[in-house]
Amino acid sequence: MKSINIKLLLPDVTHDLIVERAKAEGVELAHYCSSLITESLGNSGAKMPTKLPFEPHGHSPNGFNGLRPKLPDTIEQILAVFRLVQQNKMDFTDAVRKVAKDLGIRETTVRDKCTRRISLPHAPVDTDQFLDMLVRPNALRDYLCHRFPKFSREIAQRFGTTTPEALP
């Protein structure tokens, strides 16, 4: 992966929207912009999405879908991969493929969520580390709770626990 430094000139409204969505996703602004650009350019041969790749699906005005708070797409996609691997005994690659197909996104987007998007600034997560967490549900739960503390209670509930050690 290569890195470039660029300066974007954006209208205030667009800037504020990008900052808001990056915070909602729980990622750094640079990571958000990088993913946004990558996703947009990657879709050049396909139909362009009608909403940004990080925009919540079915987001209701109060931030809840039914009884559950809305989780960022990163967490939702990781949990979908986790369920397919754990419950359906699916191979990681096949689980990524199915999640991508079901959501109408690229496989690289799902893989990115399982590694780079959950990495901490100076502690990147690679595929081998993610695969290790994938077979150890408590490790994955605790890591996600640590990485996304704002959503730790909902993450714990999705793993079937209400008070993991990682919760504040």
N, C-alpha and C. Protein backbone atom coordinates (compact mmCIF):
# COMPACT_ATOMS: atom_id res chain seq x y z
N MET A 1 0.84 -1.17 0.00
CA MET A 1 0.00 0.00 0.00
C MET A 1 0.89 1.23 0.00
N LYS A 2 0.54 2.18 -0.81
CA LYS A 2 1.30 3.41 -0.90
C LYS A 2 0.53 4.54 -0.25
N SER A 3 1.29 5.52 0.21
CA SER A 3 0.69 6.65 0.89
C SER A 3 1.04 7.94 0.15
N ILE A 4 0.04 8.82 0.02
CA ILE A 4 0.29 10.14 -0.54
C ILE A 4 -0.36 11.17 0.37
N ASN A 5 0.23 12.32 0.42
CA ASN A 5 -0.36 13.41 1.18
C ASN A 5 -1.04 14.34 0.18
N ILE A 6 -2.31 14.59 0.39
CA ILE A 6 -3.05 15.47 -0.50
C ILE A 6 -3.79 16.50 0.33
N LYS A 7 -4.09 17.60 -0.32
CA LYS A 7 -4.87 18.63 0.34
C LYS A 7 -6.19 18.73 -0.42
N LEU A 8 -7.28 18.49 0.27
CA LEU A 8 -8.60 18.58 -0.34
C LEU A 8 -9.24 19.90 0.02
N LEU A 9 -9.78 20.56 -0.96
CA LEU A 9 -10.54 21.78 -0.72
C LEU A 9 -12.02 21.41 -0.83
N LEU A 10 -12.72 21.52 0.28
CA LEU A 10 -14.11 21.09 0.35
C LEU A 10 -14.99 22.21 0.87
N PRO A 11 -16.21 22.26 0.40
CA PRO A 11 -17.17 23.19 1.01
C PRO A 11 -17.36 22.82 2.49
N ASP A 12 -17.67 23.78 3.30
CA ASP A 12 -17.85 23.53 4.74
C ASP A 12 -18.85 22.42 5.01
N VAL A 13 -19.93 22.40 4.28
CA VAL A 13 -20.98 21.39 4.48
C VAL A 13 -20.42 19.99 4.22
N THR A 14 -19.67 19.84 3.14
CA THR A 14 -19.08 18.54 2.79
C THR A 14 -18.05 18.13 3.84
N HIS A 15 -17.22 19.07 4.25
CA HIS A 15 -16.22 18.79 5.28
C HIS A 15 -16.89 18.29 6.55
N ASP A 16 -17.91 19.01 7.00
CA ASP A 16 -18.61 18.64 8.22
C ASP A 16 -19.25 17.26 8.11
N LEU A 17 -19.80 16.95 6.94
CA LEU A 17 -20.42 15.65 6.71
C LEU A 17 -19.39 14.53 6.77
N ILE A 18 -18.22 14.75 6.16
CA ILE A 18 -17.16 13.75 6.18
C ILE A 18 -16.67 13.52 7.61
N VAL A 19 -16.46 14.60 8.35
CA VAL A 19 -16.01 14.48 9.74
C VAL A 19 -17.05 13.71 10.57
N GLU A 20 -18.32 14.04 10.38
CA GLU A 20 -19.40 13.39 11.11
C GLU A 20 -19.46 11.89 10.80
N ARG A 21 -19.35 11.55 9.53
CA ARG A 21 -19.43 10.14 9.14
C ARG A 21 -18.21 9.35 9.59
N ALA A 22 -17.04 9.96 9.56
CA ALA A 22 -15.83 9.28 10.05
C ALA A 22 -15.96 8.98 11.53
N LYS A 23 -16.48 9.95 12.29
CA LYS A 23 -16.69 9.73 13.73
C LYS A 23 -17.71 8.63 13.97
N ALA A 24 -18.80 8.65 13.20
CA ALA A 24 -19.85 7.63 13.35
C ALA A 24 -19.31 6.23 13.03
N GLU A 25 -18.39 6.15 12.08
CA GLU A 25 -17.76 4.89 11.71
C GLU A 25 -16.73 4.47 12.74
N GLY A 26 -16.25 5.44 13.52
CA GLY A 26 -15.22 5.15 14.51
C GLY A 26 -13.83 5.03 13.90
N VAL A 27 -13.59 5.76 12.82
CA VAL A 27 -12.28 5.70 12.16
C VAL A 27 -11.69 7.09 12.05
N GLU A 28 -10.38 7.11 11.81
CA GLU A 28 -9.71 8.38 11.62
C GLU A 28 -10.17 8.99 10.30
N LEU A 29 -10.14 10.30 10.23
CA LEU A 29 -10.58 11.02 9.04
C LEU A 29 -9.80 10.56 7.80
N ALA A 30 -8.50 10.39 7.92
CA ALA A 30 -7.68 9.97 6.77
C ALA A 30 -8.09 8.58 6.27
N HIS A 31 -8.36 7.65 7.20
CA HIS A 31 -8.82 6.31 6.80
C HIS A 31 -10.17 6.39 6.08
N TYR A 32 -11.05 7.21 6.61
CA TYR A 32 -12.37 7.36 6.00
C TYR A 32 -12.24 7.88 4.57
N CYS A 33 -11.47 8.94 4.38
CA CYS A 33 -11.30 9.52 3.05
C CYS A 33 -10.64 8.53 2.10
N SER A 34 -9.65 7.81 2.59
CA SER A 34 -8.96 6.81 1.78
C SER A 34 -9.94 5.73 1.30
N SER A 35 -10.75 5.23 2.21
CA SER A 35 -11.73 4.21 1.84
C SER A 35 -12.78 4.75 0.88
N LEU A 36 -13.19 5.97 1.11
CA LEU A 36 -14.18 6.60 0.24
C LEU A 36 -13.66 6.72 -1.19
N ILE A 37 -12.43 7.18 -1.33
CA ILE A 37 -11.82 7.32 -2.65
C ILE A 37 -11.62 5.95 -3.29
N THR A 38 -11.08 5.01 -2.53
CA THR A 38 -10.84 3.66 -3.06
C THR A 38 -12.13 3.02 -3.53
N GLU A 39 -13.16 3.13 -2.73
CA GLU A 39 -14.46 2.55 -3.08
C GLU A 39 -15.03 3.22 -4.32
N SER A 40 -14.94 4.52 -4.42
CA SER A 40 -15.47 5.25 -5.57
C SER A 40 -14.74 4.88 -6.85
N LEU A 41 -13.42 4.83 -6.79
CA LEU A 41 -12.64 4.49 -7.99
C LEU A 41 -12.79 3.02 -8.34
N GLY A 42 -12.95 2.18 -7.34
CA GLY A 42 -13.11 0.75 -7.58
C GLY A 42 -14.42 0.42 -8.27
N ASN A 43 -15.38 1.30 -8.18
CA ASN A 43 -16.69 1.07 -8.80
C ASN A 43 -16.79 1.68 -10.18
N SER A 44 -15.66 2.10 -10.77
CA SER A 44 -15.73 2.81 -12.05
C SER A 44 -16.39 2.00 -13.15
N GLY A 45 -16.22 0.68 -13.14
CA GLY A 45 -16.86 -0.14 -14.15
C GLY A 45 -18.25 -0.60 -13.74
N ALA A 46 -18.58 -0.43 -12.49
CA ALA A 46 -19.87 -0.88 -11.98
C ALA A 46 -20.78 0.33 -11.78
N LYS A 47 -22.02 0.03 -11.47
CA LYS A 47 -22.98 1.10 -11.18
C LYS A 47 -22.52 1.83 -9.92
N MET A 48 -22.47 3.14 -9.99
CA MET A 48 -22.04 3.92 -8.84
C MET A 48 -23.12 3.85 -7.75
N PRO A 49 -22.70 3.73 -6.48
CA PRO A 49 -23.69 3.67 -5.41
C PRO A 49 -24.43 5.00 -5.29
N THR A 50 -25.68 4.91 -4.81
CA THR A 50 -26.47 6.12 -4.66
C THR A 50 -26.19 6.81 -3.33
N LYS A 51 -25.48 6.11 -2.42
CA LYS A 51 -25.09 6.73 -1.16
C LYS A 51 -23.65 6.36 -0.86
N LEU A 52 -23.05 7.07 0.04
CA LEU A 52 -21.65 6.82 0.37
C LEU A 52 -21.48 5.43 0.96
N PRO A 53 -20.30 4.80 0.76
CA PRO A 53 -20.10 3.44 1.25
C PRO A 53 -20.19 3.30 2.76
N PHE A 54 -20.08 4.39 3.50
CA PHE A 54 -20.13 4.30 4.95
C PHE A 54 -21.49 4.70 5.51
N GLU A 55 -22.41 5.09 4.63
CA GLU A 55 -23.71 5.53 5.09
C GLU A 55 -24.48 4.34 5.67
N PRO A 56 -25.05 4.48 6.84
CA PRO A 56 -25.78 3.37 7.44
C PRO A 56 -26.93 2.93 6.56
N HIS A 57 -27.11 1.62 6.49
CA HIS A 57 -28.22 1.05 5.74
C HIS A 57 -29.46 1.04 6.62
N GLY A 58 -30.56 1.55 6.14
CA GLY A 58 -31.80 1.53 6.90
C GLY A 58 -31.73 2.33 8.19
N HIS A 59 -30.96 3.37 8.20
CA HIS A 59 -30.79 4.19 9.40
C HIS A 59 -32.08 4.95 9.70
N SER A 60 -32.55 4.83 10.91
CA SER A 60 -33.76 5.55 11.28
C SER A 60 -33.37 6.84 12.00
N PRO A 61 -34.26 7.80 12.08
CA PRO A 61 -33.93 9.11 12.63
C PRO A 61 -33.35 9.07 14.04
N ASN A 62 -33.79 8.15 14.88
CA ASN A 62 -33.29 8.14 16.25
C ASN A 62 -32.07 7.24 16.43
N GLY A 63 -31.53 6.69 15.32
CA GLY A 63 -30.32 5.89 15.41
C GLY A 63 -30.57 4.45 15.78
N PHE A 64 -31.82 4.00 15.79
CA PHE A 64 -32.13 2.62 16.14
C PHE A 64 -32.87 1.94 15.00
N ASN A 65 -32.54 0.70 14.77
CA ASN A 65 -33.27 -0.16 13.84
C ASN A 65 -33.99 -1.17 14.72
N GLY A 66 -35.27 -1.07 14.80
CA GLY A 66 -35.99 -1.95 15.70
C GLY A 66 -35.59 -1.62 17.12
N LEU A 67 -35.09 -2.62 17.84
CA LEU A 67 -34.71 -2.41 19.23
C LEU A 67 -33.21 -2.23 19.41
N ARG A 68 -32.43 -2.43 18.34
CA ARG A 68 -30.98 -2.38 18.46
C ARG A 68 -30.41 -1.07 17.94
N PRO A 69 -29.40 -0.53 18.64
CA PRO A 69 -28.72 0.65 18.10
C PRO A 69 -27.99 0.28 16.81
N LYS A 70 -27.88 1.20 15.90
CA LYS A 70 -27.20 0.97 14.64
C LYS A 70 -25.70 0.93 14.86
N LEU A 71 -25.08 -0.14 14.40
CA LEU A 71 -23.63 -0.27 14.48
C LEU A 71 -23.02 0.20 13.16
N PRO A 72 -21.78 0.68 13.20
CA PRO A 72 -21.11 1.06 11.96
C PRO A 72 -21.01 -0.14 11.02
N ASP A 73 -20.96 0.13 9.72
CA ASP A 73 -20.86 -0.93 8.72
C ASP A 73 -19.67 -1.84 8.99
N THR A 74 -18.57 -1.28 9.47
CA THR A 74 -17.38 -2.09 9.76
C THR A 74 -17.74 -3.22 10.72
N ILE A 75 -18.39 -2.88 11.81
CA ILE A 75 -18.74 -3.90 12.81
C ILE A 75 -19.78 -4.86 12.25
N GLU A 76 -20.80 -4.34 11.57
CA GLU A 76 -21.85 -5.20 11.01
C GLU A 76 -21.26 -6.22 10.04
N GLN A 77 -20.34 -5.79 9.19
CA GLN A 77 -19.75 -6.71 8.22
C GLN A 77 -18.87 -7.75 8.90
N ILE A 78 -18.12 -7.34 9.92
CA ILE A 78 -17.30 -8.30 10.66
C ILE A 78 -18.18 -9.32 11.36
N LEU A 79 -19.26 -8.86 11.97
CA LEU A 79 -20.18 -9.78 12.65
C LEU A 79 -20.84 -10.74 11.66
N ALA A 80 -21.14 -10.27 10.46
CA ALA A 80 -21.73 -11.14 9.43
C ALA A 80 -20.73 -12.22 9.02
N VAL A 81 -19.47 -11.84 8.83
CA VAL A 81 -18.43 -12.82 8.50
C VAL A 81 -18.28 -13.81 9.65
N PHE A 82 -18.24 -13.29 10.87
CA PHE A 82 -18.10 -14.13 12.06
C PHE A 82 -19.23 -15.17 12.14
N ARG A 83 -20.47 -14.72 11.95
CA ARG A 83 -21.62 -15.64 12.01
C ARG A 83 -21.50 -16.74 10.96
N LEU A 84 -21.12 -16.39 9.75
CA LEU A 84 -21.00 -17.39 8.69
C LEU A 84 -19.90 -18.40 8.98
N VAL A 85 -18.80 -17.94 9.55
CA VAL A 85 -17.70 -18.84 9.87
C VAL A 85 -18.07 -19.72 11.06
N GLN A 86 -18.64 -19.12 12.12
CA GLN A 86 -18.95 -19.87 13.34
C GLN A 86 -20.18 -20.77 13.19
N GLN A 87 -21.28 -20.20 12.71
CA GLN A 87 -22.54 -20.95 12.66
C GLN A 87 -22.67 -21.84 11.43
N ASN A 88 -22.23 -21.35 10.30
CA ASN A 88 -22.38 -22.10 9.05
C ASN A 88 -21.13 -22.88 8.69
N LYS A 89 -20.09 -22.76 9.54
CA LYS A 89 -18.82 -23.45 9.31
C LYS A 89 -18.24 -23.14 7.93
N MET A 90 -18.43 -21.91 7.51
CA MET A 90 -17.97 -21.47 6.21
C MET A 90 -16.51 -21.03 6.30
N ASP A 91 -15.78 -21.24 5.25
CA ASP A 91 -14.40 -20.77 5.12
C ASP A 91 -14.41 -19.24 5.08
N PHE A 92 -13.36 -18.60 5.62
CA PHE A 92 -13.28 -17.14 5.67
C PHE A 92 -13.49 -16.51 4.29
N THR A 93 -12.81 -17.02 3.29
CA THR A 93 -12.91 -16.46 1.94
C THR A 93 -14.34 -16.55 1.42
N ASP A 94 -14.99 -17.69 1.65
CA ASP A 94 -16.38 -17.84 1.20
C ASP A 94 -17.32 -16.93 1.99
N ALA A 95 -17.03 -16.75 3.28
CA ALA A 95 -17.86 -15.87 4.10
C ALA A 95 -17.74 -14.43 3.62
N VAL A 96 -16.53 -14.00 3.31
CA VAL A 96 -16.31 -12.64 2.79
C VAL A 96 -17.08 -12.48 1.47
N ARG A 97 -16.97 -13.48 0.61
CA ARG A 97 -17.64 -13.43 -0.70
C ARG A 97 -19.16 -13.30 -0.51
N LYS A 98 -19.72 -14.09 0.41
CA LYS A 98 -21.18 -14.06 0.63
C LYS A 98 -21.64 -12.73 1.22
N VAL A 99 -20.91 -12.20 2.19
CA VAL A 99 -21.27 -10.92 2.80
C VAL A 99 -21.22 -9.82 1.73
N ALA A 100 -20.18 -9.82 0.93
CA ALA A 100 -20.05 -8.82 -0.13
C ALA A 100 -21.21 -8.93 -1.11
N LYS A 101 -21.53 -10.13 -1.52
CA LYS A 101 -22.63 -10.34 -2.48
C LYS A 101 -23.96 -9.90 -1.87
N ASP A 102 -24.21 -10.29 -0.62
CA ASP A 102 -25.47 -9.94 0.05
C ASP A 102 -25.65 -8.43 0.20
N LEU A 103 -24.53 -7.71 0.41
CA LEU A 103 -24.60 -6.26 0.61
C LEU A 103 -24.41 -5.47 -0.68
N GLY A 104 -24.07 -6.17 -1.76
CA GLY A 104 -23.86 -5.48 -3.03
C GLY A 104 -22.60 -4.63 -3.04
N ILE A 105 -21.57 -5.11 -2.33
CA ILE A 105 -20.30 -4.39 -2.28
C ILE A 105 -19.19 -5.32 -2.74
N ARG A 106 -18.01 -4.80 -2.85
CA ARG A 106 -16.85 -5.59 -3.29
C ARG A 106 -16.27 -6.40 -2.13
N GLU A 107 -15.70 -7.56 -2.49
CA GLU A 107 -15.05 -8.40 -1.48
C GLU A 107 -13.91 -7.65 -0.80
N THR A 108 -13.19 -6.84 -1.56
CA THR A 108 -12.07 -6.08 -0.98
C THR A 108 -12.55 -5.13 0.11
N THR A 109 -13.76 -4.64 -0.02
CA THR A 109 -14.33 -3.76 1.00
C THR A 109 -14.52 -4.52 2.31
N VAL A 110 -15.06 -5.72 2.22
CA VAL A 110 -15.28 -6.54 3.42
C VAL A 110 -13.94 -6.93 4.04
N ARG A 111 -12.99 -7.35 3.21
CA ARG A 111 -11.66 -7.72 3.72
C ARG A 111 -10.99 -6.52 4.41
N ASP A 112 -11.16 -5.35 3.83
CA ASP A 112 -10.59 -4.13 4.40
C ASP A 112 -11.18 -3.87 5.79
N LYS A 113 -12.48 -4.12 5.96
CA LYS A 113 -13.13 -3.92 7.26
C LYS A 113 -12.58 -4.89 8.29
N CYS A 114 -12.18 -6.09 7.85
CA CYS A 114 -11.68 -7.12 8.77
C CYS A 114 -10.21 -6.90 9.16
N THR A 115 -9.55 -5.96 8.51
CA THR A 115 -8.13 -5.75 8.82
C THR A 115 -7.84 -4.27 9.05
N ARG A 116 -7.60 -3.54 7.98
CA ARG A 116 -7.16 -2.15 8.09
C ARG A 116 -8.13 -1.28 8.86
N ARG A 117 -9.43 -1.45 8.64
CA ARG A 117 -10.43 -0.58 9.27
C ARG A 117 -10.56 -0.80 10.77
N ILE A 118 -10.12 -1.96 11.26
CA ILE A 118 -10.18 -2.19 12.71
C ILE A 118 -8.81 -2.04 13.37
N SER A 119 -7.80 -1.74 12.57
CA SER A 119 -6.46 -1.55 13.10
C SER A 119 -6.40 -0.31 13.98
N LEU A 120 -5.61 -0.39 15.01
CA LEU A 120 -5.33 0.78 15.83
C LEU A 120 -4.16 1.52 15.20
N PRO A 121 -4.00 2.82 15.45
CA PRO A 121 -2.99 3.62 14.75
C PRO A 121 -1.60 3.00 14.62
N HIS A 122 -1.06 2.45 15.68
CA HIS A 122 0.29 1.89 15.60
C HIS A 122 0.29 0.39 15.84
N ALA A 123 -0.85 -0.26 15.59
CA ALA A 123 -0.97 -1.71 15.77
C ALA A 123 -1.88 -2.27 14.67
N PRO A 124 -1.35 -2.39 13.45
CA PRO A 124 -2.18 -2.89 12.36
C PRO A 124 -2.61 -4.34 12.57
N VAL A 125 -3.80 -4.66 12.10
CA VAL A 125 -4.31 -6.02 12.15
C VAL A 125 -4.18 -6.59 10.74
N ASP A 126 -3.47 -7.73 10.63
CA ASP A 126 -3.38 -8.36 9.32
C ASP A 126 -4.35 -9.53 9.25
N THR A 127 -4.43 -10.17 8.10
CA THR A 127 -5.40 -11.25 7.91
C THR A 127 -5.17 -12.40 8.88
N ASP A 128 -3.92 -12.77 9.10
CA ASP A 128 -3.64 -13.88 10.04
C ASP A 128 -4.13 -13.55 11.45
N GLN A 129 -3.92 -12.32 11.89
CA GLN A 129 -4.39 -11.93 13.22
C GLN A 129 -5.92 -11.96 13.28
N PHE A 130 -6.57 -11.49 12.21
CA PHE A 130 -8.03 -11.51 12.21
C PHE A 130 -8.54 -12.95 12.21
N LEU A 131 -7.92 -13.82 11.42
CA LEU A 131 -8.34 -15.23 11.39
C LEU A 131 -8.18 -15.87 12.76
N ASP A 132 -7.13 -15.51 13.48
CA ASP A 132 -6.94 -16.01 14.83
C ASP A 132 -8.07 -15.56 15.75
N MET A 133 -8.45 -14.28 15.65
CA MET A 133 -9.55 -13.77 16.49
C MET A 133 -10.88 -14.40 16.07
N LEU A 134 -11.01 -14.70 14.79
CA LEU A 134 -12.26 -15.25 14.27
C LEU A 134 -12.60 -16.60 14.89
N VAL A 135 -11.58 -17.38 15.24
CA VAL A 135 -11.83 -18.69 15.85
C VAL A 135 -11.86 -18.60 17.38
N ARG A 136 -11.61 -17.40 17.91
CA ARG A 136 -11.68 -17.19 19.36
C ARG A 136 -12.67 -16.05 19.61
N PRO A 137 -13.96 -16.39 19.69
CA PRO A 137 -15.00 -15.36 19.80
C PRO A 137 -14.77 -14.34 20.90
N ASN A 138 -14.28 -14.77 22.06
CA ASN A 138 -14.04 -13.80 23.14
C ASN A 138 -12.95 -12.81 22.77
N ALA A 139 -11.93 -13.26 22.06
CA ALA A 139 -10.85 -12.36 21.64
C ALA A 139 -11.38 -11.34 20.63
N LEU A 140 -12.19 -11.80 19.68
CA LEU A 140 -12.76 -10.89 18.70
C LEU A 140 -13.70 -9.89 19.38
N ARG A 141 -14.55 -10.39 20.26
CA ARG A 141 -15.47 -9.51 20.99
C ARG A 141 -14.70 -8.44 21.77
N ASP A 142 -13.70 -8.87 22.53
CA ASP A 142 -12.94 -7.93 23.35
C ASP A 142 -12.19 -6.91 22.49
N TYR A 143 -11.62 -7.37 21.37
CA TYR A 143 -10.91 -6.45 20.50
C TYR A 143 -11.86 -5.41 19.92
N LEU A 144 -13.02 -5.86 19.42
CA LEU A 144 -13.99 -4.93 18.85
C LEU A 144 -14.51 -3.95 19.91
N CYS A 145 -14.73 -4.43 21.13
CA CYS A 145 -15.17 -3.54 22.21
C CYS A 145 -14.10 -2.50 22.52
N HIS A 146 -12.84 -2.91 22.48
CA HIS A 146 -11.73 -1.98 22.73
C HIS A 146 -11.59 -0.99 21.58
N ARG A 147 -11.72 -1.48 20.36
CA ARG A 147 -11.54 -0.64 19.17
C ARG A 147 -12.69 0.34 18.98
N PHE A 148 -13.91 -0.09 19.36
CA PHE A 148 -15.11 0.73 19.21
C PHE A 148 -15.82 0.85 20.56
N PRO A 149 -15.21 1.54 21.51
CA PRO A 149 -15.79 1.59 22.86
C PRO A 149 -17.20 2.17 22.91
N LYS A 150 -17.51 3.07 22.02
CA LYS A 150 -18.84 3.67 21.97
C LYS A 150 -19.93 2.62 21.73
N PHE A 151 -19.56 1.52 21.09
CA PHE A 151 -20.52 0.47 20.73
C PHE A 151 -20.28 -0.83 21.50
N SER A 152 -19.50 -0.77 22.58
CA SER A 152 -19.10 -2.00 23.27
C SER A 152 -20.29 -2.79 23.84
N ARG A 153 -21.29 -2.12 24.35
CA ARG A 153 -22.44 -2.85 24.90
C ARG A 153 -23.20 -3.62 23.81
N GLU A 154 -23.42 -2.97 22.69
CA GLU A 154 -24.11 -3.64 21.60
C GLU A 154 -23.27 -4.78 21.02
N ILE A 155 -21.96 -4.57 20.91
CA ILE A 155 -21.08 -5.63 20.42
C ILE A 155 -21.16 -6.84 21.34
N ALA A 156 -21.08 -6.59 22.64
CA ALA A 156 -21.16 -7.68 23.62
C ALA A 156 -22.49 -8.42 23.50
N GLN A 157 -23.57 -7.68 23.31
CA GLN A 157 -24.89 -8.31 23.16
C GLN A 157 -24.95 -9.17 21.91
N ARG A 158 -24.34 -8.72 20.83
CA ARG A 158 -24.33 -9.49 19.60
C ARG A 158 -23.54 -10.79 19.75
N PHE A 159 -22.58 -10.79 20.68
CA PHE A 159 -21.83 -12.00 20.96
C PHE A 159 -22.51 -12.86 22.02
N GLY A 160 -23.67 -12.39 22.49
CA GLY A 160 -24.43 -13.17 23.45
C GLY A 160 -23.99 -12.97 24.89
N THR A 161 -23.25 -11.88 25.16
CA THR A 161 -22.83 -11.59 26.53
C THR A 161 -23.29 -10.18 26.86
N THR A 162 -23.38 -9.90 28.13
CA THR A 162 -23.79 -8.55 28.52
C THR A 162 -22.73 -7.84 29.34
N THR A 163 -21.79 -8.57 29.87
CA THR A 163 -20.77 -7.93 30.69
C THR A 163 -19.39 -8.50 30.43
N PRO A 164 -18.84 -8.33 29.21
CA PRO A 164 -17.48 -8.82 28.99
C PRO A 164 -16.47 -7.98 29.78
N GLU A 165 -15.32 -8.53 29.98
CA GLU A 165 -14.27 -7.85 30.75
C GLU A 165 -13.91 -6.51 30.11
N ALA A 166 -14.08 -6.41 28.78
CA ALA A 166 -13.65 -5.21 28.08
C ALA A 166 -14.61 -4.04 28.23
N LEU A 167 -15.80 -4.28 28.77
CA LEU A 167 -16.75 -3.18 28.89
C LEU A 167 -16.36 -2.26 30.01
N PRO A 168 -16.55 -0.94 29.79
CA PRO A 168 -16.22 0.02 30.85
C PRO A 168 -17.19 -0.07 32.01
